[in-house]
Amino acid sequence: MKSTIKNILAIILFSAMTSSCVEDDFLKETPLDFYSTGNSFVTYENYQGALTDIYAQVRNLKFNANENGYAHLYGTDMMINARRTSDGLRFGNYSVALNPTSGIPLYHWNGLYKIITSANSIIDRLEENTVLTEEEKKSVAAEAHFFRAFGYRNLVYLFGGVPLLLNEVTAPTTDFVRATKVEVINQIVSDLLIAKENLPGINAVEDGKLSNLVANQLIAEIYLEQEKWDEAIAASSIVIDDPSTALMTERFGSLKNQDGDVFYDLFRVGNQNRKGGNTEAIWVAQFEVDILGGVLSSTNLGGNVLERVHAPAVFTLTDPNGKRGSAGSLSNLNAGGRGVSFMRPTQYMEQTVWADDFTGDIRNSKYNYVRDFKYDEPSSAWFDSSAVKYPGPNLKAESWRWYPWISKVTTPGQHPDNLYANKETGLLTNGAGSTYSDQYYMRLAETYLIRAEAYLGQGNLAKAADDINMLRNRAKAKPVMPSEVTIDYILDERARELSFEEDRRLTLARLGKVVERVRKYNDLNSSNILDHHGLWPIPAREIEANINGKLEQNPGY
């Protein structure tokens, strides 16, 4: 881990100051004209700046135009590499994607430890600070403890037991050892207890900031891992019973007067935050267009690029006569924006999970799950005809060019003005492909499913069904009966409700079901996922740099 820790001694924007030797006082330098960890943690504003950087780290780990951030979607029971190539980036082959020298494990290992070490710097510096009030210290510490817990939660699900760093690292270290999974989980709970008791209520924070409900939701999930069902129910109930939270059940927001439904509204531009009237949002990643720190650009790709990755490459389609069948990448539900067909749903996600109520469940409506493309090239003899019913020769030859897709990833009619080559027709430039909306980290719908899982663990199937039916009633779907509730049913409901929101791999890893579900539902990866792929390998460079300690590799690698 030397290579990781050495590079993340201080948060971004601060220069590192480290020295492993003892110096005489007259040799010590006091920084006067640059930032260091010694002079950057003084005022409340300093600490807020450090926390803002961690918020950016968390957001950028998942949404930074780097497909490594989508490793929790690719190669699961829900999503596969649409091109069916054997590369590692898009989990075409598990042994290529997951080995000690591959990029995906290293990307997440480095990113998560960067979050943790940034949080540790804040926590340690608070202890010696004499400027902040006690209330300010509690507030700052609560956020830092949450972020440390968040980092370790992801690490422990992906890698199992990992080195447990609880203090600021001020010198290169080469003797790390792995803590046990139980030790890491216990530390996560300890941090989240501090966070939940000291974070403000959801109405007291700005959109995108942590509240006590965020900490309660995460600790409820961790209690599921520990099989502490009563505690999980209590923590999730705090979120559900808060008078400021409720599922959205009526049309709302920026496109409420256009065709659609309430589930569609949840994912339209401007509708994710509480200031937009959304009482279902618990924690939301914030994006802005053409604003410093907002990530999104009106001239090129950036941030969340799921439109590009998931939406089909309709601009390549020919009609049955072999002529051009598409008018190009249009900002509408028919075309899906500027997609290039990298990630497509598995048959499980496309058909199986909807089988019991295919037409009734609004989450599978034409607004939310697009299942046809109408040829939209005016010069085509097949204009307005179905490409599913009448596929062109290149679609017949290469099925990746179009497939049913989920509309959460795009913003029909709501792309930034600069991305339109022709605003009147909706034609987008080649610079499109980002998803131009804020993104949910946590939504109340998931809280109900967390509590349902706890009730299932408790053996209370009636209450588990009641919680699941809160979502199914909103979706106008057939209610589930208590006798039908199993952990696999809850995973199915998560797929229907939370596609592209939950980190599916983390959920499956928490339940020990990665290998089982991939073999059952993922036709591309079922033959190349091996038993040991349930955990990721410790990056080889971290093991090699740890010359004075033994950083054990996970079995099978």
Protein backbone atom coordinates (compact mmCIF):
# COMPACT_ATOMS: atom_id res chain seq x y z
CA MET A 1 0.00 0.00 0.00
CA LYS A 2 3.02 2.31 0.05
CA SER A 3 2.27 3.56 -3.44
CA THR A 4 -1.30 4.42 -2.51
CA ILE A 5 -0.78 5.94 0.90
CA LYS A 6 2.27 7.91 -0.16
CA ASN A 7 0.25 9.67 -2.83
CA ILE A 8 -2.68 10.52 -0.61
CA LEU A 9 -1.12 12.00 2.48
CA ALA A 10 -3.05 15.23 2.07
CA ILE A 11 -6.31 16.13 0.46
CA ILE A 12 -6.40 17.56 -3.05
CA LEU A 13 -5.43 21.23 -3.20
CA PHE A 14 -3.04 20.83 -0.25
CA SER A 15 0.71 20.21 -0.65
CA ALA A 16 2.08 17.22 1.22
CA MET A 17 4.54 17.74 4.02
CA THR A 18 6.12 14.58 5.32
CA SER A 19 9.41 13.79 6.96
CA SER A 20 10.45 10.55 8.60
CA CYS A 21 13.58 11.93 10.29
CA VAL A 22 14.00 13.77 13.57
CA GLU A 23 14.99 17.40 13.02
CA ASP A 24 16.46 20.01 15.27
CA ASP A 25 14.10 22.90 15.91
CA PHE A 26 16.24 25.31 13.87
CA LEU A 27 15.85 23.05 10.82
CA LYS A 28 12.04 22.95 10.97
CA GLU A 29 10.28 25.15 8.45
CA THR A 30 7.01 26.94 9.05
CA PRO A 31 5.05 27.13 5.78
CA LEU A 32 4.12 30.73 5.08
CA ASP A 33 3.09 30.79 1.45
CA PHE A 34 1.69 27.32 0.71
CA TYR A 35 -0.89 24.99 2.16
CA SER A 36 0.09 21.97 4.23
CA THR A 37 -1.73 19.70 6.66
CA GLY A 38 -0.17 21.82 9.39
CA ASN A 39 -1.66 25.15 8.36
CA SER A 40 -4.71 24.06 6.38
CA PHE A 41 -6.82 22.81 9.29
CA VAL A 42 -7.32 25.92 11.37
CA THR A 43 -10.64 27.64 10.73
CA TYR A 44 -14.11 26.19 10.30
CA GLU A 45 -13.91 27.26 6.67
CA ASN A 46 -10.69 25.24 6.27
CA TYR A 47 -12.46 22.12 7.48
CA GLN A 48 -15.46 22.77 5.27
CA GLY A 49 -13.13 23.02 2.30
CA ALA A 50 -11.56 19.69 3.23
CA LEU A 51 -14.99 18.08 3.51
CA THR A 52 -16.04 19.53 0.17
CA ASP A 53 -13.07 17.79 -1.36
CA ILE A 54 -14.21 14.44 0.07
CA TYR A 55 -17.69 14.98 -1.36
CA ALA A 56 -15.99 15.46 -4.73
CA GLN A 57 -13.89 12.32 -4.24
CA VAL A 58 -16.99 10.23 -3.51
CA ARG A 59 -18.81 11.63 -6.53
CA ASN A 60 -15.86 11.27 -8.86
CA LEU A 61 -15.14 7.68 -7.84
CA LYS A 62 -18.41 6.68 -9.50
CA PHE A 63 -19.11 9.49 -11.96
CA ASN A 64 -16.02 10.75 -13.74
CA ALA A 65 -16.34 9.58 -17.37
CA ASN A 66 -14.14 6.60 -16.44
CA GLU A 67 -15.93 3.30 -16.89
CA ASN A 68 -14.04 1.83 -13.94
CA GLY A 69 -16.72 3.59 -11.93
CA TYR A 70 -19.34 1.30 -13.49
CA ALA A 71 -17.64 -1.91 -12.34
CA HIS A 72 -20.51 -2.41 -9.90
CA LEU A 73 -22.91 -2.68 -12.85
CA TYR A 74 -20.97 -4.49 -15.58
CA GLY A 75 -20.73 -8.24 -15.19
CA THR A 76 -23.53 -8.57 -12.65
CA ASP A 77 -26.89 -10.31 -12.92
CA MET A 78 -28.33 -7.09 -14.40
CA MET A 79 -25.84 -5.70 -16.95
CA ILE A 80 -23.33 -7.10 -19.42
CA ASN A 81 -20.78 -5.91 -21.96
CA ALA A 82 -23.06 -5.24 -24.95
CA ARG A 83 -20.28 -5.77 -27.49
CA ARG A 84 -19.51 -9.16 -25.89
CA THR A 85 -15.77 -8.59 -26.14
CA SER A 86 -13.41 -10.31 -23.70
CA ASP A 87 -11.90 -7.13 -22.28
CA GLY A 88 -11.54 -6.34 -18.60
CA LEU A 89 -12.84 -2.76 -18.48
CA ARG A 90 -16.41 -3.86 -19.23
CA PHE A 91 -16.19 -7.29 -17.61
CA GLY A 92 -16.23 -9.20 -20.88
CA ASN A 93 -14.18 -11.81 -19.03
CA TYR A 94 -13.88 -12.03 -15.25
CA SER A 95 -10.31 -13.32 -15.23
CA VAL A 96 -9.22 -10.35 -17.34
CA ALA A 97 -11.21 -7.81 -15.30
CA LEU A 98 -10.20 -9.18 -11.90
CA ASN A 99 -6.57 -10.09 -11.44
CA PRO A 100 -3.91 -8.56 -9.19
CA THR A 101 -2.53 -6.35 -11.96
CA SER A 102 -5.79 -5.22 -13.58
CA GLY A 103 -6.99 -1.65 -13.39
CA ILE A 104 -10.44 -2.04 -11.84
CA PRO A 105 -9.42 -3.28 -8.36
CA LEU A 106 -6.60 -0.72 -8.18
CA TYR A 107 -8.92 2.12 -9.21
CA HIS A 108 -11.36 1.38 -6.39
CA TRP A 109 -8.68 0.51 -3.81
CA ASN A 110 -6.87 3.81 -4.41
CA GLY A 111 -10.04 5.89 -4.58
CA LEU A 112 -11.53 4.46 -1.40
CA TYR A 113 -8.33 4.76 0.63
CA LYS A 114 -8.00 8.33 -0.58
CA ILE A 115 -11.43 9.05 0.94
CA ILE A 116 -10.42 7.30 4.16
CA THR A 117 -7.08 9.08 4.56
CA SER A 118 -8.69 12.43 3.84
CA ALA A 119 -11.25 11.72 6.57
CA ASN A 120 -8.50 10.61 8.97
CA SER A 121 -6.63 13.88 8.46
CA ILE A 122 -9.73 15.83 9.43
CA ILE A 123 -10.48 13.67 12.48
CA ASP A 124 -6.92 13.82 13.81
CA ARG A 125 -6.49 17.55 13.24
CA LEU A 126 -9.74 18.30 15.06
CA GLU A 127 -8.31 16.87 18.28
CA GLU A 128 -5.61 19.52 18.47
CA ASN A 129 -7.67 22.42 17.09
CA THR A 130 -8.33 25.31 19.48
CA VAL A 131 -10.19 27.60 17.09
CA LEU A 132 -13.42 25.71 16.38
CA THR A 133 -16.25 25.59 18.90
CA GLU A 134 -17.24 22.21 20.31
CA GLU A 135 -20.39 22.22 18.19
CA GLU A 136 -18.37 22.94 15.07
CA LYS A 137 -15.99 20.12 15.94
CA LYS A 138 -18.88 17.68 16.37
CA SER A 139 -20.40 18.71 13.07
CA VAL A 140 -17.16 18.35 11.11
CA ALA A 141 -16.23 15.10 12.83
CA ALA A 142 -19.64 13.59 12.07
CA GLU A 143 -19.16 14.07 8.34
CA ALA A 144 -15.59 12.78 8.42
CA HIS A 145 -16.60 9.67 10.37
CA PHE A 146 -19.37 8.99 7.88
CA PHE A 147 -16.99 9.21 4.94
CA ARG A 148 -14.48 6.91 6.62
CA ALA A 149 -17.27 4.41 7.20
CA PHE A 150 -18.40 4.77 3.60
CA GLY A 151 -14.91 4.01 2.31
CA TYR A 152 -14.49 0.94 4.48
CA ARG A 153 -17.99 -0.30 3.67
CA ASN A 154 -17.11 -0.43 -0.02
CA LEU A 155 -13.69 -1.94 0.62
CA VAL A 156 -14.94 -4.71 2.91
CA TYR A 157 -17.66 -5.77 0.47
CA LEU A 158 -15.20 -5.86 -2.43
CA PHE A 159 -12.03 -7.22 -0.82
CA GLY A 160 -13.03 -8.68 2.55
CA GLY A 161 -10.75 -7.75 5.43
CA VAL A 162 -8.43 -4.84 4.60
CA PRO A 163 -5.83 -2.71 6.41
CA LEU A 164 -7.63 -0.60 8.98
CA LEU A 165 -6.16 2.92 8.99
CA LEU A 166 -7.62 5.10 11.72
CA ASN A 167 -5.06 7.90 11.93
CA GLU A 168 -3.47 10.37 9.58
CA VAL A 169 -0.50 8.87 7.75
CA THR A 170 2.42 11.29 8.00
CA ALA A 171 5.22 9.13 6.60
CA PRO A 172 5.58 6.34 4.05
CA THR A 173 4.48 3.07 5.66
CA THR A 174 5.40 -0.41 4.45
CA ASP A 175 4.14 -2.75 7.16
CA PHE A 176 0.39 -2.89 6.63
CA VAL A 177 -1.58 -5.98 7.59
CA ARG A 178 -5.17 -6.89 6.90
CA ALA A 179 -7.75 -6.56 9.64
CA THR A 180 -10.47 -9.18 9.68
CA LYS A 181 -13.80 -8.52 8.01
CA VAL A 182 -15.48 -8.45 11.43
CA GLU A 183 -13.01 -5.86 12.71
CA VAL A 184 -13.63 -3.64 9.70
CA ILE A 185 -17.40 -3.96 10.01
CA ASN A 186 -17.23 -3.10 13.72
CA GLN A 187 -15.24 0.04 12.91
CA ILE A 188 -17.81 1.04 10.29
CA VAL A 189 -20.57 0.76 12.89
CA SER A 190 -18.52 2.77 15.40
CA ASP A 191 -18.02 5.58 12.88
CA LEU A 192 -21.65 5.58 11.79
CA LEU A 193 -22.91 5.77 15.37
CA ILE A 194 -20.91 8.99 15.77
CA ALA A 195 -22.25 10.28 12.46
CA LYS A 196 -25.91 9.50 13.08
CA GLU A 197 -25.88 11.14 16.49
CA ASN A 198 -24.20 14.36 15.37
CA LEU A 199 -25.27 15.03 11.78
CA PRO A 200 -28.13 17.54 11.39
CA GLY A 201 -31.65 16.69 10.28
CA ILE A 202 -32.42 16.51 6.59
CA ASN A 203 -34.21 19.87 6.54
CA ALA A 204 -31.18 21.60 8.04
CA VAL A 205 -28.72 20.69 5.27
CA GLU A 206 -28.21 21.85 1.72
CA ASP A 207 -29.02 19.48 -1.13
CA GLY A 208 -26.20 16.98 -1.53
CA LYS A 209 -24.96 17.28 2.06
CA LEU A 210 -25.03 14.55 4.68
CA SER A 211 -27.86 14.39 7.20
CA ASN A 212 -28.56 12.04 10.08
CA LEU A 213 -30.92 10.12 7.79
CA VAL A 214 -28.05 9.26 5.45
CA ALA A 215 -26.07 7.79 8.34
CA ASN A 216 -29.11 5.89 9.59
CA GLN A 217 -29.69 4.38 6.16
CA LEU A 218 -26.09 3.22 5.82
CA ILE A 219 -25.91 1.79 9.33
CA ALA A 220 -29.18 -0.06 8.70
CA GLU A 221 -27.52 -1.76 5.73
CA ILE A 222 -24.47 -2.64 7.83
CA TYR A 223 -26.74 -4.14 10.48
CA LEU A 224 -28.11 -6.42 7.75
CA GLU A 225 -24.55 -7.61 7.14
CA GLN A 226 -24.28 -8.35 10.87
CA GLU A 227 -27.72 -10.00 10.92
CA LYS A 228 -28.79 -7.54 13.61
CA TRP A 229 -32.37 -7.42 12.37
CA ASP A 230 -33.87 -5.36 15.21
CA GLU A 231 -31.19 -2.69 14.88
CA ALA A 232 -31.62 -2.58 11.10
CA ILE A 233 -35.37 -2.13 11.48
CA ALA A 234 -34.90 0.64 14.05
CA ALA A 235 -32.38 2.58 11.94
CA SER A 236 -34.34 2.29 8.70
CA SER A 237 -37.55 3.22 10.52
CA ILE A 238 -35.95 6.50 11.61
CA VAL A 239 -35.60 7.37 7.93
CA ILE A 240 -39.02 6.10 6.88
CA ASP A 241 -40.88 7.68 9.79
CA ASP A 242 -39.22 11.07 9.51
CA PRO A 243 -42.03 13.57 8.77
CA SER A 244 -39.91 15.14 6.02
CA THR A 245 -39.64 11.96 3.93
CA ALA A 246 -42.26 10.26 1.77
CA LEU A 247 -42.42 8.36 -1.49
CA MET A 248 -43.40 10.50 -4.45
CA THR A 249 -46.78 9.26 -5.66
CA GLU A 250 -48.01 12.08 -7.93
CA ARG A 251 -46.55 13.70 -11.04
CA PHE A 252 -44.07 16.47 -10.18
CA GLY A 253 -41.22 18.58 -11.41
CA SER A 254 -39.83 19.81 -14.68
CA LEU A 255 -41.83 17.59 -17.07
CA LYS A 256 -44.94 16.92 -15.03
CA ASN A 257 -47.19 18.39 -17.72
CA GLN A 258 -45.76 16.15 -20.43
CA ASP A 259 -46.56 12.49 -21.05
CA GLY A 260 -45.01 10.22 -18.46
CA ASP A 261 -45.57 8.92 -14.94
CA VAL A 262 -44.29 9.62 -11.44
CA PHE A 263 -41.44 7.11 -11.73
CA TYR A 264 -40.28 8.84 -14.91
CA ASP A 265 -40.42 12.18 -13.08
CA LEU A 266 -37.96 10.97 -10.44
CA PHE A 267 -35.17 11.04 -13.02
CA ARG A 268 -35.84 14.21 -15.00
CA VAL A 269 -33.56 17.25 -14.82
CA GLY A 270 -34.05 19.29 -11.66
CA ASN A 271 -36.23 16.70 -9.92
CA GLN A 272 -33.77 14.85 -7.67
CA ASN A 273 -33.38 17.29 -4.80
CA ARG A 274 -35.66 18.35 -1.99
CA LYS A 275 -35.63 21.92 -3.27
CA GLY A 276 -37.32 20.50 -6.37
CA GLY A 277 -40.12 19.08 -4.24
CA ASN A 278 -38.71 15.55 -3.98
CA THR A 279 -39.39 14.14 -0.51
CA GLU A 280 -38.01 10.75 -1.53
CA ALA A 281 -34.42 11.91 -1.93
CA ILE A 282 -32.13 11.05 0.98
CA TRP A 283 -28.67 11.78 -0.46
CA VAL A 284 -28.00 13.09 -3.96
CA ALA A 285 -24.79 13.64 -5.95
CA GLN A 286 -24.77 17.21 -7.20
CA PHE A 287 -23.85 18.18 -10.76
CA GLU A 288 -23.84 21.52 -12.56
CA VAL A 289 -23.16 22.34 -16.20
CA ASP A 290 -20.26 24.65 -17.11
CA ILE A 291 -19.64 25.63 -13.49
CA LEU A 292 -16.29 25.06 -11.76
CA GLY A 293 -16.62 21.88 -9.71
CA GLY A 294 -19.91 20.94 -11.33
CA VAL A 295 -18.19 18.33 -13.56
CA LEU A 296 -20.69 18.48 -16.44
CA SER A 297 -19.84 20.35 -19.64
CA SER A 298 -21.97 21.58 -22.51
CA THR A 299 -19.15 20.94 -24.96
CA ASN A 300 -17.81 17.50 -24.11
CA LEU A 301 -18.23 14.39 -21.98
CA GLY A 302 -17.80 14.46 -18.24
CA GLY A 303 -19.26 13.18 -14.99
CA ASN A 304 -21.88 10.48 -15.34
CA VAL A 305 -21.69 9.09 -18.89
CA LEU A 306 -24.37 6.41 -18.60
CA GLU A 307 -26.27 7.88 -21.54
CA ARG A 308 -23.28 7.14 -23.72
CA VAL A 309 -22.55 3.77 -22.11
CA HIS A 310 -26.06 2.30 -21.84
CA ALA A 311 -28.25 3.89 -24.51
CA PRO A 312 -28.12 2.08 -27.88
CA ALA A 313 -26.16 3.34 -30.88
CA VAL A 314 -29.28 4.12 -32.90
CA PHE A 315 -27.37 6.49 -35.19
CA THR A 316 -25.76 3.40 -36.78
CA LEU A 317 -29.01 1.65 -37.72
CA THR A 318 -30.03 0.91 -41.28
CA ASP A 319 -33.59 0.12 -42.34
CA PRO A 320 -34.60 -3.23 -43.89
CA ASN A 321 -33.54 -1.90 -47.30
CA GLY A 322 -30.04 -1.29 -46.01
CA LYS A 323 -30.54 2.47 -46.20
CA ARG A 324 -30.08 4.95 -43.39
CA GLY A 325 -32.80 4.34 -40.81
CA SER A 326 -31.88 6.84 -38.11
CA ALA A 327 -31.89 10.63 -38.18
CA GLY A 328 -29.01 10.54 -35.71
CA SER A 329 -28.53 11.02 -31.98
CA LEU A 330 -31.70 12.85 -30.99
CA SER A 331 -32.67 14.12 -27.56
CA ASN A 332 -35.85 12.06 -27.23
CA LEU A 333 -36.99 8.73 -25.83
CA ASN A 334 -37.02 7.06 -29.21
CA ALA A 335 -33.32 7.68 -29.87
CA GLY A 336 -32.05 8.00 -26.30
CA GLY A 337 -29.51 10.75 -26.89
CA ARG A 338 -25.91 9.98 -27.82
CA GLY A 339 -25.62 6.29 -26.93
CA VAL A 340 -22.89 3.97 -28.18
CA SER A 341 -24.09 0.57 -26.86
CA PHE A 342 -21.48 -0.53 -24.33
CA MET A 343 -23.71 -1.83 -21.51
CA ARG A 344 -26.93 -3.72 -22.10
CA PRO A 345 -29.36 -5.44 -19.75
CA THR A 346 -29.17 -9.18 -19.22
CA GLN A 347 -32.18 -11.28 -20.17
CA TYR A 348 -32.97 -11.33 -16.47
CA MET A 349 -33.16 -7.53 -16.34
CA GLU A 350 -34.85 -7.23 -19.71
CA GLN A 351 -37.56 -9.86 -19.25
CA THR A 352 -37.42 -12.11 -16.19
CA VAL A 353 -37.97 -9.55 -13.43
CA TRP A 354 -41.04 -8.16 -15.20
CA ALA A 355 -42.69 -11.50 -15.98
CA ASP A 356 -45.30 -11.43 -13.21
CA ASP A 357 -46.66 -7.98 -14.17
CA PHE A 358 -45.14 -6.94 -17.48
CA THR A 359 -47.81 -4.42 -18.49
CA GLY A 360 -49.02 -3.21 -15.10
CA ASP A 361 -45.77 -2.11 -13.44
CA ILE A 362 -45.08 1.50 -14.47
CA ARG A 363 -41.35 0.95 -13.94
CA ASN A 364 -41.64 -1.10 -17.13
CA SER A 365 -43.75 1.49 -18.94
CA LYS A 366 -42.70 2.91 -22.30
CA TYR A 367 -41.43 5.99 -20.49
CA ASN A 368 -39.09 4.06 -18.21
CA TYR A 369 -38.05 1.02 -20.22
CA VAL A 370 -37.77 1.76 -23.95
CA ARG A 371 -38.48 -1.43 -25.88
CA ASP A 372 -38.69 -0.31 -29.50
CA PHE A 373 -37.08 2.07 -31.94
CA LYS A 374 -39.11 3.68 -34.69
CA TYR A 375 -37.11 4.48 -37.80
CA ASP A 376 -36.92 8.28 -37.74
CA GLU A 377 -34.95 9.10 -40.88
CA PRO A 378 -37.50 11.01 -43.02
CA SER A 379 -36.03 9.73 -46.28
CA SER A 380 -36.40 6.08 -45.27
CA ALA A 381 -39.21 4.04 -46.82
CA TRP A 382 -39.58 2.51 -43.36
CA PHE A 383 -40.06 5.82 -41.54
CA ASP A 384 -42.00 5.36 -38.26
CA SER A 385 -41.86 1.56 -38.57
CA SER A 386 -40.62 -0.65 -35.75
CA ALA A 387 -36.98 -1.73 -35.86
CA VAL A 388 -37.87 -4.60 -33.53
CA LYS A 389 -40.47 -5.90 -35.96
CA TYR A 390 -38.52 -4.98 -39.10
CA PRO A 391 -34.79 -5.03 -38.26
CA GLY A 392 -32.28 -3.81 -40.79
CA PRO A 393 -29.36 -5.95 -41.96
CA ASN A 394 -26.78 -4.47 -39.60
CA LEU A 395 -29.02 -4.96 -36.54
CA LYS A 396 -29.63 -8.56 -37.58
CA ALA A 397 -25.89 -9.07 -37.85
CA GLU A 398 -24.90 -7.17 -34.70
CA SER A 399 -27.49 -7.09 -31.93
CA TRP A 400 -25.48 -4.59 -29.88
CA ARG A 401 -26.65 -1.77 -32.15
CA TRP A 402 -30.04 -1.68 -30.44
CA TYR A 403 -31.61 -3.35 -27.41
CA PRO A 404 -34.28 -2.43 -24.83
CA TRP A 405 -32.85 0.18 -22.49
CA ILE A 406 -33.69 2.07 -19.29
CA SER A 407 -34.49 5.77 -19.63
CA LYS A 408 -32.97 6.83 -16.29
CA VAL A 409 -29.70 7.34 -18.13
CA THR A 410 -30.85 10.12 -20.47
CA THR A 411 -32.59 13.49 -20.35
CA PRO A 412 -34.96 13.72 -23.35
CA GLY A 413 -35.44 17.32 -24.47
CA GLN A 414 -33.37 18.55 -21.53
CA HIS A 415 -29.81 18.46 -22.85
CA PRO A 416 -27.84 21.72 -22.48
CA ASP A 417 -28.44 24.09 -25.39
CA ASN A 418 -24.82 24.00 -26.55
CA LEU A 419 -25.06 20.26 -27.20
CA TYR A 420 -27.69 20.61 -29.89
CA ALA A 421 -26.49 20.60 -33.47
CA ASN A 422 -30.10 21.42 -34.33
CA LYS A 423 -32.37 22.35 -31.42
CA GLU A 424 -35.50 22.22 -33.58
CA THR A 425 -35.02 18.58 -34.55
CA GLY A 426 -33.29 17.63 -31.29
CA LEU A 427 -30.12 16.48 -33.05
CA LEU A 428 -27.19 16.35 -30.63
CA THR A 429 -23.52 16.95 -31.27
CA ASN A 430 -20.90 14.24 -30.82
CA GLY A 431 -20.00 15.88 -27.50
CA ALA A 432 -23.20 14.61 -25.88
CA GLY A 433 -23.36 11.38 -23.91
CA SER A 434 -23.38 12.52 -20.28
CA THR A 435 -26.47 12.18 -18.10
CA TYR A 436 -27.38 15.80 -17.35
CA SER A 437 -29.13 15.37 -14.01
CA ASP A 438 -28.21 14.97 -10.37
CA GLN A 439 -27.85 11.35 -9.26
CA TYR A 440 -29.24 9.49 -6.27
CA TYR A 441 -26.87 7.91 -3.77
CA MET A 442 -29.81 7.05 -1.51
CA ARG A 443 -33.54 7.14 -2.09
CA LEU A 444 -36.37 6.30 0.32
CA ALA A 445 -37.44 3.43 -1.93
CA GLU A 446 -34.23 1.63 -0.99
CA THR A 447 -34.87 2.28 2.70
CA TYR A 448 -38.10 0.29 2.44
CA LEU A 449 -36.21 -2.58 0.83
CA ILE A 450 -33.55 -2.50 3.54
CA ARG A 451 -36.25 -2.75 6.19
CA ALA A 452 -38.03 -5.47 4.23
CA GLU A 453 -34.80 -7.48 4.23
CA ALA A 454 -34.52 -7.03 7.99
CA TYR A 455 -38.11 -8.17 8.51
CA LEU A 456 -37.35 -11.19 6.32
CA GLY A 457 -34.33 -12.00 8.47
CA GLN A 458 -36.55 -11.70 11.52
CA GLY A 459 -39.08 -14.08 9.96
CA ASN A 460 -41.80 -11.44 9.78
CA LEU A 461 -42.88 -12.03 6.17
CA ALA A 462 -46.07 -9.99 6.50
CA LYS A 463 -44.21 -6.80 7.39
CA ALA A 464 -41.57 -7.51 4.75
CA ALA A 465 -44.34 -7.76 2.15
CA ASP A 466 -45.90 -4.53 3.44
CA ASP A 467 -42.66 -2.62 2.86
CA ILE A 468 -42.13 -4.07 -0.61
CA ASN A 469 -45.72 -3.25 -1.49
CA MET A 470 -45.14 0.40 -0.68
CA LEU A 471 -43.04 0.44 -3.86
CA ARG A 472 -45.23 -1.91 -5.84
CA ASN A 473 -48.35 0.10 -5.03
CA ARG A 474 -46.65 3.27 -6.24
CA ALA A 475 -45.64 1.37 -9.38
CA LYS A 476 -49.22 0.09 -9.87
CA ALA A 477 -47.81 -3.44 -9.81
CA LYS A 478 -49.43 -6.57 -8.43
CA PRO A 479 -48.81 -6.77 -4.65
CA VAL A 480 -46.45 -9.43 -3.37
CA MET A 481 -47.85 -11.99 -0.94
CA PRO A 482 -45.95 -12.68 2.30
CA SER A 483 -45.34 -16.27 1.22
CA GLU A 484 -43.54 -15.01 -1.90
CA VAL A 485 -40.96 -12.91 -0.04
CA THR A 486 -37.43 -14.32 -0.20
CA ILE A 487 -34.04 -12.67 -0.43
CA ASP A 488 -34.06 -13.34 -4.17
CA TYR A 489 -37.44 -11.64 -4.49
CA ILE A 490 -36.04 -8.59 -2.71
CA LEU A 491 -33.09 -8.60 -5.13
CA ASP A 492 -35.59 -8.72 -8.00
CA GLU A 493 -37.46 -5.76 -6.54
CA ARG A 494 -34.19 -3.90 -6.16
CA ALA A 495 -33.52 -4.52 -9.85
CA ARG A 496 -36.94 -3.17 -10.83
CA GLU A 497 -36.72 -0.11 -8.61
CA LEU A 498 -33.04 0.80 -8.30
CA SER A 499 -31.39 0.00 -11.64
CA PHE A 500 -28.43 2.34 -12.22
CA GLU A 501 -28.82 3.70 -8.67
CA GLU A 502 -27.67 0.93 -6.35
CA ASP A 503 -24.16 -0.41 -6.75
CA ARG A 504 -25.43 -3.86 -7.65
CA ARG A 505 -22.10 -5.62 -7.13
CA LEU A 506 -21.88 -4.30 -3.57
CA THR A 507 -25.38 -5.55 -2.78
CA LEU A 508 -24.63 -9.00 -4.18
CA ALA A 509 -21.26 -9.10 -2.41
CA ARG A 510 -22.84 -8.20 0.91
CA LEU A 511 -25.19 -11.15 0.48
CA GLY A 512 -22.50 -13.50 -0.83
CA LYS A 513 -24.41 -13.92 -4.09
CA VAL A 514 -22.14 -12.49 -6.80
CA VAL A 515 -21.05 -15.82 -8.27
CA GLU A 516 -24.42 -17.49 -7.82
CA ARG A 517 -26.42 -14.75 -9.52
CA VAL A 518 -23.95 -14.20 -12.36
CA ARG A 519 -23.96 -17.90 -13.17
CA LYS A 520 -27.73 -17.99 -13.09
CA TYR A 521 -28.62 -14.80 -14.97
CA ASN A 522 -25.61 -13.53 -16.96
CA ASP A 523 -25.12 -15.51 -20.15
CA LEU A 524 -21.91 -13.69 -21.09
CA ASN A 525 -20.07 -14.18 -17.80
CA SER A 526 -21.63 -17.38 -16.48
CA SER A 527 -18.86 -19.48 -18.03
CA ASN A 528 -15.90 -17.28 -17.04
CA ILE A 529 -16.74 -16.26 -13.48
CA LEU A 530 -14.90 -18.47 -10.99
CA ASP A 531 -15.66 -19.17 -7.35
CA HIS A 532 -12.99 -16.80 -6.06
CA HIS A 533 -14.36 -13.85 -8.07
CA GLY A 534 -16.84 -13.14 -5.28
CA LEU A 535 -14.01 -11.09 -3.76
CA TRP A 536 -11.62 -8.86 -5.67
CA PRO A 537 -7.83 -9.31 -5.62
CA ILE A 538 -5.64 -7.05 -3.52
CA PRO A 539 -3.70 -4.99 -6.11
CA ALA A 540 -0.27 -6.52 -6.70
CA ARG A 541 1.53 -3.17 -6.48
CA GLU A 542 0.23 -2.70 -2.93
CA ILE A 543 1.48 -6.12 -1.86
CA GLU A 544 4.87 -5.57 -3.51
CA ALA A 545 5.35 -2.14 -1.91
CA ASN A 546 4.48 -3.46 1.55
CA ILE A 547 8.01 -4.77 2.10
CA ASN A 548 7.96 -4.82 5.93
CA GLY A 549 4.63 -6.53 6.41
CA LYS A 550 2.53 -9.29 4.93
CA LEU A 551 -0.48 -8.09 2.97
CA GLU A 552 -2.10 -11.41 2.17
CA GLN A 553 -3.74 -11.95 -1.22
CA ASN A 554 -7.30 -13.23 -1.46
CA PRO A 555 -7.63 -16.95 -2.27
CA GLY A 556 -7.61 -17.88 -5.95
CA TYR A 557 -5.40 -15.00 -7.08
